[in-house]
Every structure is written in structure tokens, then in C-alpha cells.
Amino acid sequence: VWLEPNDDPRKKLKFGWRLVELPGGHLAGIDTAVPNRVVGEALAAGAIPELAAWENVRPEVRYAEKSRVDFLLSGVDRPDVYVEVKNVHLRREGDLAEFPDCVTARGARHLDDLAAMVGEGHRAVMLYLVQRTDCARFDLARDLDPVYGEAFDRARKAGVEAICYGTEITLSGVVIGVPIPLLV
């Protein structure tokens, strides 16, 4: 277990849990704030080819009825892109990363909200970020949350894109890695 000192007086704990060392020397990121930071940096650097052509990247933008999208991309003469990021750290067998790791009504609502944006003529992308160095494939954990799986299917049918990226994790930090194939 890797901890980081925390001097923020607003925080209850003096340390933050950041990483877990796994068998074989692999690492898994625990901090749920990391995926949005990593994706934000990657978007700014043009490191995600599917999302590299937009000039403006705005984080945490309110949309739909009760949601905030993780990133809203905009540019000249192109539709806005609504990007939702999901932190993936579940692995149950082999090199397969899975999401979600528990029931997530909020996650299903995000998929429905993204589908609504596609219906309004925008582009919408669900980006799964795997915070483990021992996974090379991605799938939904439909057995853990069948409702999320159904929402995913509806969103895909409506035109929501789904992409998955790994991360490069070291004791010095976490950065975007290579694309990971989706089995869904």
C-alpha cells in the first residue's frame, strides 16, 4: 500500500491512499480523483487521438437535468463532445478489467444523459480509464450491475461511443497509457 502525506486542513486524514502493489510488481491506482486529472492532461496534450481535434476542453460542465459531464470539448465547425470518464480498477480473472465494481445508478444515469446529447446532435463518449498495470482487455461487469449493462446497450444504440485506455503507473505518477480493446 502506498500512501501520500496530506497537509490540507479540510481533509480528515493525514494521508491519502494512492496505490496498491499487486503480485508480479504491478500497480493499481486507488485515488478516484486521478482518472479525471489524467484524462484532462491527455486531452490538453492531444494524447487521445479520438478526441484530439477540439480546441477547447472544459471540465465539470453542467448539462442534462442533474448531471455534470467530466469534460465538454468544443471547437470551430464541429459538434460539441461530451466526455464522461469512469475509473476502472476491478480485475477478477486474467488480464480483463471490468466496470462497474458495484451497482452504480449514477453511472447508468450518465449513460442515459450522454445518449440524450447524441439525440440533440452532439457527440458523446464514455471513456473507461483502467488504473491497473496488469490488464489488457475491458468488459462490462454485467453480473454486478445488470441495469448499468442495459443503460450501456441503450447508449451505444443511440450513438454514444465507448473507448478504453490503460494507464502507466509509477511511484512518481499516473499518465495515460495505450488503448485497451473493449469486448462489449
N, C-alpha and C. Protein backbone atom coordinates (compact mmCIF):
# COMPACT_ATOMS: atom_id res chain seq x y z
N VAL A 1 0.85 -1.18 0.00
CA VAL A 1 0.00 0.00 0.00
C VAL A 1 0.89 1.24 0.00
N TRP A 2 0.57 2.19 -0.88
CA TRP A 2 1.33 3.43 -0.98
C TRP A 2 0.44 4.59 -0.54
N LEU A 3 0.92 5.34 0.45
CA LEU A 3 0.21 6.50 0.97
C LEU A 3 0.96 7.77 0.62
N GLU A 4 0.24 8.88 0.62
CA GLU A 4 0.85 10.18 0.36
C GLU A 4 0.44 11.12 1.49
N PRO A 5 1.40 11.87 2.06
CA PRO A 5 1.04 12.82 3.12
C PRO A 5 0.03 13.84 2.62
N ASN A 6 -0.86 14.24 3.51
CA ASN A 6 -1.90 15.21 3.16
C ASN A 6 -1.90 16.32 4.20
N ASP A 7 -1.51 17.52 3.79
CA ASP A 7 -1.46 18.67 4.71
C ASP A 7 -2.68 19.57 4.58
N ASP A 8 -3.65 19.20 3.77
CA ASP A 8 -4.84 20.01 3.57
C ASP A 8 -5.68 20.01 4.85
N PRO A 9 -5.86 21.18 5.49
CA PRO A 9 -6.60 21.21 6.76
C PRO A 9 -8.08 20.83 6.61
N ARG A 10 -8.61 20.87 5.39
CA ARG A 10 -10.01 20.49 5.17
C ARG A 10 -10.20 18.98 5.17
N LYS A 11 -9.12 18.24 5.05
CA LYS A 11 -9.20 16.78 4.99
C LYS A 11 -9.11 16.20 6.41
N LYS A 12 -9.88 15.13 6.64
CA LYS A 12 -9.88 14.50 7.95
C LYS A 12 -8.63 13.67 8.20
N LEU A 13 -8.11 13.07 7.15
CA LEU A 13 -6.98 12.16 7.32
C LEU A 13 -5.66 12.81 6.92
N LYS A 14 -4.61 12.42 7.58
CA LYS A 14 -3.28 13.00 7.32
C LYS A 14 -2.57 12.35 6.13
N PHE A 15 -3.13 11.25 5.63
CA PHE A 15 -2.54 10.56 4.49
C PHE A 15 -3.65 10.17 3.51
N GLY A 16 -3.29 10.12 2.23
CA GLY A 16 -4.21 9.66 1.20
C GLY A 16 -3.70 8.35 0.62
N TRP A 17 -4.61 7.39 0.42
CA TRP A 17 -4.27 6.09 -0.14
C TRP A 17 -4.21 6.25 -1.65
N ARG A 18 -3.06 6.02 -2.25
CA ARG A 18 -2.87 6.28 -3.67
C ARG A 18 -2.72 5.03 -4.52
N LEU A 19 -1.91 4.07 -4.08
CA LEU A 19 -1.59 2.90 -4.90
C LEU A 19 -1.57 1.63 -4.07
N VAL A 20 -1.77 0.52 -4.77
CA VAL A 20 -1.59 -0.80 -4.18
C VAL A 20 -0.63 -1.55 -5.08
N GLU A 21 0.34 -2.22 -4.47
CA GLU A 21 1.24 -3.07 -5.25
C GLU A 21 0.60 -4.45 -5.35
N LEU A 22 0.54 -4.95 -6.57
CA LEU A 22 -0.10 -6.23 -6.86
C LEU A 22 0.96 -7.30 -7.12
N PRO A 23 0.56 -8.56 -7.14
CA PRO A 23 1.52 -9.62 -7.47
C PRO A 23 2.19 -9.34 -8.82
N GLY A 24 3.45 -9.71 -8.90
CA GLY A 24 4.20 -9.50 -10.13
C GLY A 24 4.72 -8.08 -10.29
N GLY A 25 4.62 -7.28 -9.24
CA GLY A 25 5.13 -5.91 -9.30
C GLY A 25 4.19 -4.93 -9.98
N HIS A 26 2.99 -5.35 -10.33
CA HIS A 26 2.02 -4.45 -10.95
C HIS A 26 1.48 -3.48 -9.91
N LEU A 27 0.95 -2.35 -10.39
CA LEU A 27 0.37 -1.35 -9.51
C LEU A 27 -1.08 -1.08 -9.90
N ALA A 28 -1.89 -0.73 -8.90
CA ALA A 28 -3.27 -0.32 -9.14
C ALA A 28 -3.49 1.01 -8.43
N GLY A 29 -4.07 1.95 -9.15
CA GLY A 29 -4.40 3.24 -8.58
C GLY A 29 -5.71 3.17 -7.81
N ILE A 30 -5.73 3.78 -6.65
CA ILE A 30 -6.90 3.76 -5.77
C ILE A 30 -7.61 5.11 -5.77
N ASP A 31 -6.87 6.18 -5.94
CA ASP A 31 -7.40 7.54 -5.85
C ASP A 31 -8.38 7.80 -6.99
N THR A 32 -9.66 8.02 -6.65
CA THR A 32 -10.69 8.20 -7.67
C THR A 32 -10.63 9.56 -8.35
N ALA A 33 -9.83 10.49 -7.83
CA ALA A 33 -9.68 11.79 -8.49
C ALA A 33 -8.66 11.72 -9.63
N VAL A 34 -7.84 10.71 -9.64
CA VAL A 34 -6.77 10.60 -10.63
C VAL A 34 -7.28 10.47 -12.07
N PRO A 35 -8.29 9.65 -12.35
CA PRO A 35 -8.70 9.49 -13.76
C PRO A 35 -9.05 10.80 -14.45
N ASN A 36 -9.81 11.68 -13.81
CA ASN A 36 -10.16 12.94 -14.46
C ASN A 36 -8.93 13.82 -14.68
N ARG A 37 -8.01 13.80 -13.73
CA ARG A 37 -6.77 14.57 -13.91
C ARG A 37 -5.96 14.01 -15.08
N VAL A 38 -5.81 12.70 -15.12
CA VAL A 38 -5.04 12.05 -16.19
C VAL A 38 -5.68 12.32 -17.55
N VAL A 39 -6.99 12.15 -17.65
CA VAL A 39 -7.68 12.39 -18.92
C VAL A 39 -7.62 13.86 -19.29
N GLY A 40 -7.77 14.76 -18.32
CA GLY A 40 -7.66 16.19 -18.61
C GLY A 40 -6.30 16.55 -19.18
N GLU A 41 -5.24 16.02 -18.59
CA GLU A 41 -3.89 16.27 -19.10
C GLU A 41 -3.73 15.68 -20.50
N ALA A 42 -4.27 14.49 -20.71
CA ALA A 42 -4.16 13.83 -22.02
C ALA A 42 -4.94 14.60 -23.09
N LEU A 43 -6.12 15.11 -22.74
CA LEU A 43 -6.89 15.90 -23.69
C LEU A 43 -6.15 17.18 -24.06
N ALA A 44 -5.58 17.84 -23.07
CA ALA A 44 -4.83 19.08 -23.32
C ALA A 44 -3.62 18.84 -24.21
N ALA A 45 -3.02 17.66 -24.08
CA ALA A 45 -1.82 17.33 -24.86
C ALA A 45 -2.15 16.67 -26.21
N GLY A 46 -3.42 16.44 -26.48
CA GLY A 46 -3.80 15.76 -27.72
C GLY A 46 -3.40 14.30 -27.74
N ALA A 47 -3.30 13.69 -26.56
CA ALA A 47 -2.80 12.32 -26.45
C ALA A 47 -3.87 11.24 -26.61
N ILE A 48 -5.12 11.65 -26.81
CA ILE A 48 -6.20 10.70 -27.08
C ILE A 48 -6.67 10.98 -28.50
N PRO A 49 -6.18 10.22 -29.48
CA PRO A 49 -6.45 10.55 -30.89
C PRO A 49 -7.93 10.73 -31.22
N GLU A 50 -8.79 9.94 -30.60
CA GLU A 50 -10.23 10.04 -30.88
C GLU A 50 -10.81 11.39 -30.47
N LEU A 51 -10.09 12.11 -29.60
CA LEU A 51 -10.60 13.37 -29.04
C LEU A 51 -9.61 14.52 -29.19
N ALA A 52 -8.72 14.43 -30.15
CA ALA A 52 -7.62 15.40 -30.24
C ALA A 52 -7.92 16.62 -31.09
N ALA A 53 -9.02 16.68 -31.79
CA ALA A 53 -9.24 17.76 -32.76
C ALA A 53 -10.03 18.95 -32.21
N TRP A 54 -10.30 18.98 -30.94
CA TRP A 54 -11.10 20.07 -30.37
C TRP A 54 -10.20 21.06 -29.64
N GLU A 55 -10.47 22.34 -29.85
CA GLU A 55 -9.61 23.40 -29.31
C GLU A 55 -9.87 23.67 -27.83
N ASN A 56 -11.11 23.53 -27.40
CA ASN A 56 -11.48 23.90 -26.03
C ASN A 56 -11.87 22.68 -25.22
N VAL A 57 -11.28 22.57 -24.02
CA VAL A 57 -11.58 21.48 -23.10
C VAL A 57 -12.03 22.11 -21.79
N ARG A 58 -13.29 21.90 -21.44
CA ARG A 58 -13.82 22.45 -20.19
C ARG A 58 -14.21 21.31 -19.26
N PRO A 59 -13.68 21.30 -18.04
CA PRO A 59 -14.04 20.25 -17.09
C PRO A 59 -15.32 20.58 -16.31
N GLU A 60 -15.99 19.54 -15.85
CA GLU A 60 -17.12 19.66 -14.93
C GLU A 60 -18.17 20.67 -15.38
N VAL A 61 -18.77 20.44 -16.53
CA VAL A 61 -19.78 21.33 -17.09
C VAL A 61 -21.16 20.75 -16.82
N ARG A 62 -22.05 21.57 -16.27
CA ARG A 62 -23.42 21.13 -16.01
C ARG A 62 -24.16 20.90 -17.33
N TYR A 63 -24.94 19.83 -17.36
CA TYR A 63 -25.76 19.53 -18.52
C TYR A 63 -26.89 18.61 -18.08
N ALA A 64 -27.79 18.33 -18.98
CA ALA A 64 -28.95 17.49 -18.68
C ALA A 64 -29.68 18.06 -17.45
N GLU A 65 -30.41 17.23 -16.73
CA GLU A 65 -31.19 17.76 -15.60
C GLU A 65 -30.38 17.87 -14.33
N LYS A 66 -29.64 16.83 -13.99
CA LYS A 66 -28.93 16.82 -12.71
C LYS A 66 -27.51 16.31 -12.85
N SER A 67 -26.89 16.57 -13.97
CA SER A 67 -25.57 15.99 -14.21
C SER A 67 -24.52 17.05 -14.51
N ARG A 68 -23.29 16.64 -14.32
CA ARG A 68 -22.12 17.39 -14.80
C ARG A 68 -21.32 16.41 -15.62
N VAL A 69 -20.95 16.84 -16.81
CA VAL A 69 -20.11 15.99 -17.64
C VAL A 69 -18.66 16.23 -17.24
N ASP A 70 -17.85 15.20 -17.27
CA ASP A 70 -16.46 15.36 -16.86
C ASP A 70 -15.72 16.35 -17.75
N PHE A 71 -15.95 16.26 -19.06
CA PHE A 71 -15.30 17.19 -20.00
C PHE A 71 -16.25 17.52 -21.13
N LEU A 72 -16.28 18.79 -21.50
CA LEU A 72 -17.01 19.23 -22.68
C LEU A 72 -15.97 19.78 -23.65
N LEU A 73 -15.87 19.15 -24.82
CA LEU A 73 -14.94 19.59 -25.84
C LEU A 73 -15.71 20.39 -26.88
N SER A 74 -15.13 21.51 -27.29
CA SER A 74 -15.78 22.32 -28.32
C SER A 74 -14.72 22.86 -29.26
N GLY A 75 -15.17 23.21 -30.46
CA GLY A 75 -14.27 23.74 -31.47
C GLY A 75 -15.06 24.35 -32.60
N VAL A 76 -14.36 24.98 -33.50
CA VAL A 76 -14.98 25.64 -34.64
C VAL A 76 -15.47 24.60 -35.64
N ASP A 77 -16.69 24.78 -36.11
CA ASP A 77 -17.26 23.93 -37.17
C ASP A 77 -17.28 22.44 -36.84
N ARG A 78 -17.52 22.10 -35.60
CA ARG A 78 -17.64 20.70 -35.23
C ARG A 78 -18.59 20.60 -34.03
N PRO A 79 -19.27 19.48 -33.90
CA PRO A 79 -20.19 19.34 -32.77
C PRO A 79 -19.44 19.25 -31.44
N ASP A 80 -20.08 19.73 -30.39
CA ASP A 80 -19.51 19.55 -29.06
C ASP A 80 -19.40 18.06 -28.75
N VAL A 81 -18.44 17.72 -27.89
CA VAL A 81 -18.27 16.34 -27.46
C VAL A 81 -18.39 16.29 -25.95
N TYR A 82 -19.31 15.50 -25.47
CA TYR A 82 -19.50 15.28 -24.04
C TYR A 82 -18.73 14.02 -23.67
N VAL A 83 -17.77 14.15 -22.75
CA VAL A 83 -16.91 13.03 -22.38
C VAL A 83 -17.10 12.72 -20.90
N GLU A 84 -17.52 11.51 -20.62
CA GLU A 84 -17.65 11.03 -19.25
C GLU A 84 -16.53 10.02 -19.01
N VAL A 85 -15.86 10.14 -17.87
CA VAL A 85 -14.72 9.28 -17.54
C VAL A 85 -15.12 8.35 -16.40
N LYS A 86 -14.81 7.08 -16.54
CA LYS A 86 -15.06 6.11 -15.48
C LYS A 86 -13.74 5.46 -15.07
N ASN A 87 -13.54 5.40 -13.76
CA ASN A 87 -12.36 4.79 -13.17
C ASN A 87 -12.55 3.28 -13.11
N VAL A 88 -11.64 2.54 -13.70
CA VAL A 88 -11.74 1.08 -13.74
C VAL A 88 -10.57 0.50 -12.94
N HIS A 89 -10.90 -0.27 -11.91
CA HIS A 89 -9.83 -0.94 -11.17
C HIS A 89 -10.18 -2.39 -10.80
N LEU A 90 -11.33 -2.87 -11.25
CA LEU A 90 -11.73 -4.25 -10.96
C LEU A 90 -11.09 -5.22 -11.96
N ARG A 91 -10.48 -6.26 -11.42
CA ARG A 91 -9.98 -7.39 -12.23
C ARG A 91 -10.30 -8.65 -11.45
N ARG A 92 -11.06 -9.52 -12.08
CA ARG A 92 -11.42 -10.77 -11.40
C ARG A 92 -10.70 -11.97 -11.99
N GLU A 93 -10.37 -11.90 -13.28
CA GLU A 93 -9.66 -13.04 -13.88
C GLU A 93 -8.79 -12.58 -15.04
N GLY A 94 -7.65 -13.23 -15.15
CA GLY A 94 -6.74 -12.95 -16.26
C GLY A 94 -6.36 -11.49 -16.37
N ASP A 95 -6.34 -11.00 -17.60
CA ASP A 95 -5.96 -9.61 -17.85
C ASP A 95 -7.18 -8.75 -18.19
N LEU A 96 -8.36 -9.16 -17.69
CA LEU A 96 -9.62 -8.50 -18.02
C LEU A 96 -10.01 -7.47 -16.96
N ALA A 97 -10.04 -6.21 -17.35
CA ALA A 97 -10.54 -5.14 -16.48
C ALA A 97 -12.05 -5.05 -16.68
N GLU A 98 -12.77 -4.76 -15.58
CA GLU A 98 -14.23 -4.70 -15.67
C GLU A 98 -14.77 -3.46 -14.95
N PHE A 99 -15.91 -2.98 -15.44
CA PHE A 99 -16.65 -1.89 -14.82
C PHE A 99 -18.12 -2.19 -14.96
N PRO A 100 -18.91 -1.88 -13.95
CA PRO A 100 -18.58 -1.31 -12.65
C PRO A 100 -18.20 -2.40 -11.65
N ASP A 101 -17.70 -1.97 -10.50
CA ASP A 101 -17.34 -2.94 -9.46
C ASP A 101 -18.47 -3.11 -8.43
N CYS A 102 -19.55 -2.34 -8.60
CA CYS A 102 -20.74 -2.45 -7.76
C CYS A 102 -21.88 -1.75 -8.50
N VAL A 103 -23.06 -1.79 -7.94
CA VAL A 103 -24.21 -1.13 -8.56
C VAL A 103 -23.95 0.38 -8.60
N THR A 104 -24.20 1.00 -9.75
CA THR A 104 -23.99 2.43 -9.91
C THR A 104 -25.15 3.06 -10.68
N ALA A 105 -26.18 3.44 -9.94
CA ALA A 105 -27.33 4.11 -10.56
C ALA A 105 -26.88 5.41 -11.22
N ARG A 106 -25.95 6.10 -10.59
CA ARG A 106 -25.42 7.35 -11.15
C ARG A 106 -24.73 7.09 -12.50
N GLY A 107 -23.97 6.00 -12.58
CA GLY A 107 -23.29 5.66 -13.83
C GLY A 107 -24.28 5.37 -14.94
N ALA A 108 -25.37 4.67 -14.62
CA ALA A 108 -26.40 4.39 -15.62
C ALA A 108 -27.06 5.69 -16.07
N ARG A 109 -27.31 6.60 -15.12
CA ARG A 109 -27.90 7.90 -15.48
C ARG A 109 -26.97 8.67 -16.41
N HIS A 110 -25.67 8.62 -16.16
CA HIS A 110 -24.71 9.30 -17.04
C HIS A 110 -24.82 8.77 -18.47
N LEU A 111 -24.97 7.48 -18.62
CA LEU A 111 -25.11 6.90 -19.96
C LEU A 111 -26.38 7.41 -20.64
N ASP A 112 -27.48 7.46 -19.90
CA ASP A 112 -28.72 7.97 -20.47
C ASP A 112 -28.59 9.45 -20.85
N ASP A 113 -27.90 10.23 -20.01
CA ASP A 113 -27.69 11.65 -20.31
C ASP A 113 -26.83 11.82 -21.56
N LEU A 114 -25.80 10.99 -21.70
CA LEU A 114 -24.97 11.07 -22.91
C LEU A 114 -25.78 10.72 -24.15
N ALA A 115 -26.63 9.72 -24.04
CA ALA A 115 -27.49 9.34 -25.17
C ALA A 115 -28.39 10.50 -25.57
N ALA A 116 -28.89 11.24 -24.59
CA ALA A 116 -29.74 12.40 -24.88
C ALA A 116 -28.96 13.46 -25.63
N MET A 117 -27.68 13.64 -25.30
CA MET A 117 -26.86 14.63 -26.00
C MET A 117 -26.66 14.22 -27.46
N VAL A 118 -26.48 12.93 -27.70
CA VAL A 118 -26.37 12.46 -29.08
C VAL A 118 -27.67 12.75 -29.83
N GLY A 119 -28.79 12.56 -29.15
CA GLY A 119 -30.08 12.85 -29.75
C GLY A 119 -30.26 14.32 -30.12
N GLU A 120 -29.51 15.20 -29.45
CA GLU A 120 -29.56 16.63 -29.75
C GLU A 120 -28.52 17.04 -30.80
N GLY A 121 -27.81 16.06 -31.36
CA GLY A 121 -26.86 16.35 -32.42
C GLY A 121 -25.42 16.50 -31.99
N HIS A 122 -25.14 16.21 -30.72
CA HIS A 122 -23.77 16.29 -30.22
C HIS A 122 -23.10 14.92 -30.31
N ARG A 123 -21.84 14.90 -30.02
CA ARG A 123 -21.09 13.65 -29.93
C ARG A 123 -20.92 13.36 -28.44
N ALA A 124 -20.96 12.10 -28.06
CA ALA A 124 -20.79 11.72 -26.65
C ALA A 124 -19.90 10.49 -26.57
N VAL A 125 -18.99 10.52 -25.59
CA VAL A 125 -18.01 9.45 -25.44
C VAL A 125 -17.94 9.03 -23.98
N MET A 126 -18.05 7.73 -23.73
CA MET A 126 -17.79 7.16 -22.42
C MET A 126 -16.37 6.63 -22.47
N LEU A 127 -15.50 7.19 -21.64
CA LEU A 127 -14.09 6.80 -21.63
C LEU A 127 -13.81 6.05 -20.34
N TYR A 128 -13.46 4.79 -20.47
CA TYR A 128 -13.09 3.96 -19.32
C TYR A 128 -11.58 4.02 -19.17
N LEU A 129 -11.11 4.41 -17.98
CA LEU A 129 -9.67 4.51 -17.73
C LEU A 129 -9.27 3.45 -16.72
N VAL A 130 -8.45 2.50 -17.17
CA VAL A 130 -8.03 1.38 -16.32
C VAL A 130 -6.82 1.80 -15.50
N GLN A 131 -7.01 1.85 -14.18
CA GLN A 131 -5.93 2.21 -13.27
C GLN A 131 -5.26 0.96 -12.70
N ARG A 132 -4.83 0.09 -13.58
CA ARG A 132 -4.09 -1.12 -13.22
C ARG A 132 -3.09 -1.38 -14.33
N THR A 133 -1.95 -1.93 -13.96
CA THR A 133 -0.95 -2.24 -14.99
C THR A 133 -0.98 -3.70 -15.42
N ASP A 134 -1.94 -4.47 -14.92
CA ASP A 134 -2.00 -5.90 -15.25
C ASP A 134 -3.21 -6.27 -16.10
N CYS A 135 -3.80 -5.29 -16.79
CA CYS A 135 -4.98 -5.57 -17.62
C CYS A 135 -4.74 -5.13 -19.06
N ALA A 136 -5.22 -5.93 -19.99
CA ALA A 136 -5.03 -5.62 -21.41
C ALA A 136 -6.34 -5.66 -22.20
N ARG A 137 -7.46 -5.99 -21.52
CA ARG A 137 -8.77 -6.04 -22.17
C ARG A 137 -9.80 -5.44 -21.21
N PHE A 138 -10.96 -5.04 -21.77
CA PHE A 138 -12.00 -4.44 -20.95
C PHE A 138 -13.36 -5.02 -21.31
N ASP A 139 -14.19 -5.20 -20.29
CA ASP A 139 -15.57 -5.63 -20.50
C ASP A 139 -16.42 -5.07 -19.36
N LEU A 140 -17.73 -5.11 -19.56
CA LEU A 140 -18.65 -4.70 -18.50
C LEU A 140 -18.85 -5.85 -17.52
N ALA A 141 -18.99 -5.51 -16.26
CA ALA A 141 -19.31 -6.49 -15.22
C ALA A 141 -20.83 -6.53 -15.09
N ARG A 142 -21.47 -7.06 -16.11
CA ARG A 142 -22.94 -7.08 -16.16
C ARG A 142 -23.55 -7.86 -15.00
N ASP A 143 -22.82 -8.85 -14.49
CA ASP A 143 -23.35 -9.62 -13.37
C ASP A 143 -23.41 -8.79 -12.10
N LEU A 144 -22.55 -7.79 -11.97
CA LEU A 144 -22.55 -6.94 -10.78
C LEU A 144 -23.58 -5.82 -10.86
N ASP A 145 -23.88 -5.36 -12.08
CA ASP A 145 -24.89 -4.31 -12.26
C ASP A 145 -25.56 -4.46 -13.62
N PRO A 146 -26.57 -5.32 -13.69
CA PRO A 146 -27.27 -5.52 -14.97
C PRO A 146 -27.92 -4.25 -15.50
N VAL A 147 -28.37 -3.38 -14.61
CA VAL A 147 -29.02 -2.13 -15.04
C VAL A 147 -28.01 -1.24 -15.77
N TYR A 148 -26.78 -1.19 -15.27
CA TYR A 148 -25.74 -0.42 -15.97
C TYR A 148 -25.50 -1.03 -17.35
N GLY A 149 -25.44 -2.34 -17.43
CA GLY A 149 -25.24 -3.00 -18.72
C GLY A 149 -26.34 -2.66 -19.71
N GLU A 150 -27.58 -2.62 -19.24
CA GLU A 150 -28.70 -2.25 -20.11
C GLU A 150 -28.58 -0.79 -20.56
N ALA A 151 -28.19 0.09 -19.63
CA ALA A 151 -28.01 1.51 -19.98
C ALA A 151 -26.89 1.67 -20.99
N PHE A 152 -25.83 0.89 -20.84
CA PHE A 152 -24.73 0.92 -21.80
C PHE A 152 -25.23 0.52 -23.19
N ASP A 153 -26.00 -0.55 -23.25
CA ASP A 153 -26.52 -1.01 -24.54
C ASP A 153 -27.42 0.04 -25.19
N ARG A 154 -28.29 0.68 -24.39
CA ARG A 154 -29.15 1.75 -24.93
C ARG A 154 -28.31 2.91 -25.45
N ALA A 155 -27.30 3.29 -24.67
CA ALA A 155 -26.46 4.42 -25.06
C ALA A 155 -25.71 4.13 -26.35
N ARG A 156 -25.16 2.94 -26.46
CA ARG A 156 -24.43 2.57 -27.68
C ARG A 156 -25.37 2.57 -28.89
N LYS A 157 -26.57 2.05 -28.70
CA LYS A 157 -27.55 2.02 -29.78
C LYS A 157 -27.92 3.44 -30.20
N ALA A 158 -27.91 4.37 -29.25
CA ALA A 158 -28.24 5.77 -29.54
C ALA A 158 -27.08 6.51 -30.20
N GLY A 159 -25.87 5.90 -30.17
CA GLY A 159 -24.73 6.54 -30.81
C GLY A 159 -23.63 7.00 -29.89
N VAL A 160 -23.74 6.70 -28.59
CA VAL A 160 -22.66 7.05 -27.66
C VAL A 160 -21.47 6.14 -27.96
N GLU A 161 -20.29 6.75 -28.07
CA GLU A 161 -19.07 5.99 -28.31
C GLU A 161 -18.50 5.50 -26.99
N ALA A 162 -17.80 4.39 -27.02
CA ALA A 162 -17.13 3.87 -25.83
C ALA A 162 -15.68 3.57 -26.20
N ILE A 163 -14.77 4.12 -25.40
CA ILE A 163 -13.34 3.85 -25.60
C ILE A 163 -12.73 3.52 -24.25
N CYS A 164 -11.61 2.84 -24.28
CA CYS A 164 -10.93 2.46 -23.05
C CYS A 164 -9.44 2.67 -23.21
N TYR A 165 -8.83 3.23 -22.18
CA TYR A 165 -7.39 3.44 -22.17
C TYR A 165 -6.82 2.89 -20.88
N GLY A 166 -5.61 2.40 -20.98
CA GLY A 166 -4.86 1.99 -19.80
C GLY A 166 -4.11 3.19 -19.24
N THR A 167 -3.38 2.93 -18.18
CA THR A 167 -2.55 3.96 -17.58
C THR A 167 -1.15 3.41 -17.38
N GLU A 168 -0.20 4.31 -17.37
CA GLU A 168 1.16 3.97 -16.97
C GLU A 168 1.30 4.48 -15.55
N ILE A 169 1.47 3.55 -14.62
CA ILE A 169 1.51 3.90 -13.20
C ILE A 169 2.91 3.64 -12.67
N THR A 170 3.48 4.66 -12.05
CA THR A 170 4.75 4.51 -11.33
C THR A 170 4.58 5.17 -9.97
N LEU A 171 5.58 5.06 -9.14
CA LEU A 171 5.52 5.72 -7.84
C LEU A 171 5.59 7.23 -7.98
N SER A 172 5.98 7.70 -9.15
CA SER A 172 6.07 9.15 -9.40
C SER A 172 4.78 9.74 -9.94
N GLY A 173 3.89 8.90 -10.47
CA GLY A 173 2.66 9.45 -11.02
C GLY A 173 1.94 8.49 -11.95
N VAL A 174 0.84 9.00 -12.49
CA VAL A 174 -0.01 8.23 -13.40
C VAL A 174 -0.25 9.07 -14.65
N VAL A 175 -0.05 8.45 -15.82
CA VAL A 175 -0.31 9.12 -17.10
C VAL A 175 -1.11 8.18 -17.98
N ILE A 176 -1.69 8.75 -19.02
CA ILE A 176 -2.48 7.96 -19.97
C ILE A 176 -1.58 6.92 -20.63
N GLY A 177 -2.14 5.74 -20.85
CA GLY A 177 -1.40 4.67 -21.49
C GLY A 177 -1.94 4.39 -22.88
N VAL A 178 -1.92 3.14 -23.25
CA VAL A 178 -2.35 2.74 -24.59
C VAL A 178 -3.83 2.38 -24.59
N PRO A 179 -4.45 2.43 -25.79
CA PRO A 179 -5.85 1.98 -25.87
C PRO A 179 -5.96 0.51 -25.47
N ILE A 180 -7.07 0.19 -24.84
CA ILE A 180 -7.35 -1.19 -24.42
C ILE A 180 -8.61 -1.64 -25.17
N PRO A 181 -8.58 -2.81 -25.79
CA PRO A 181 -9.75 -3.27 -26.54
C PRO A 181 -10.96 -3.52 -25.63
N LEU A 182 -12.11 -3.10 -26.12
CA LEU A 182 -13.38 -3.36 -25.44
C LEU A 182 -13.97 -4.65 -25.99
N LEU A 183 -14.41 -5.52 -25.11
CA LEU A 183 -15.03 -6.76 -25.53
C LEU A 183 -16.54 -6.62 -25.68
N VAL A 184 -17.08 -5.49 -25.30
CA VAL A 184 -18.54 -5.25 -25.37
C VAL A 184 -18.96 -4.84 -26.75
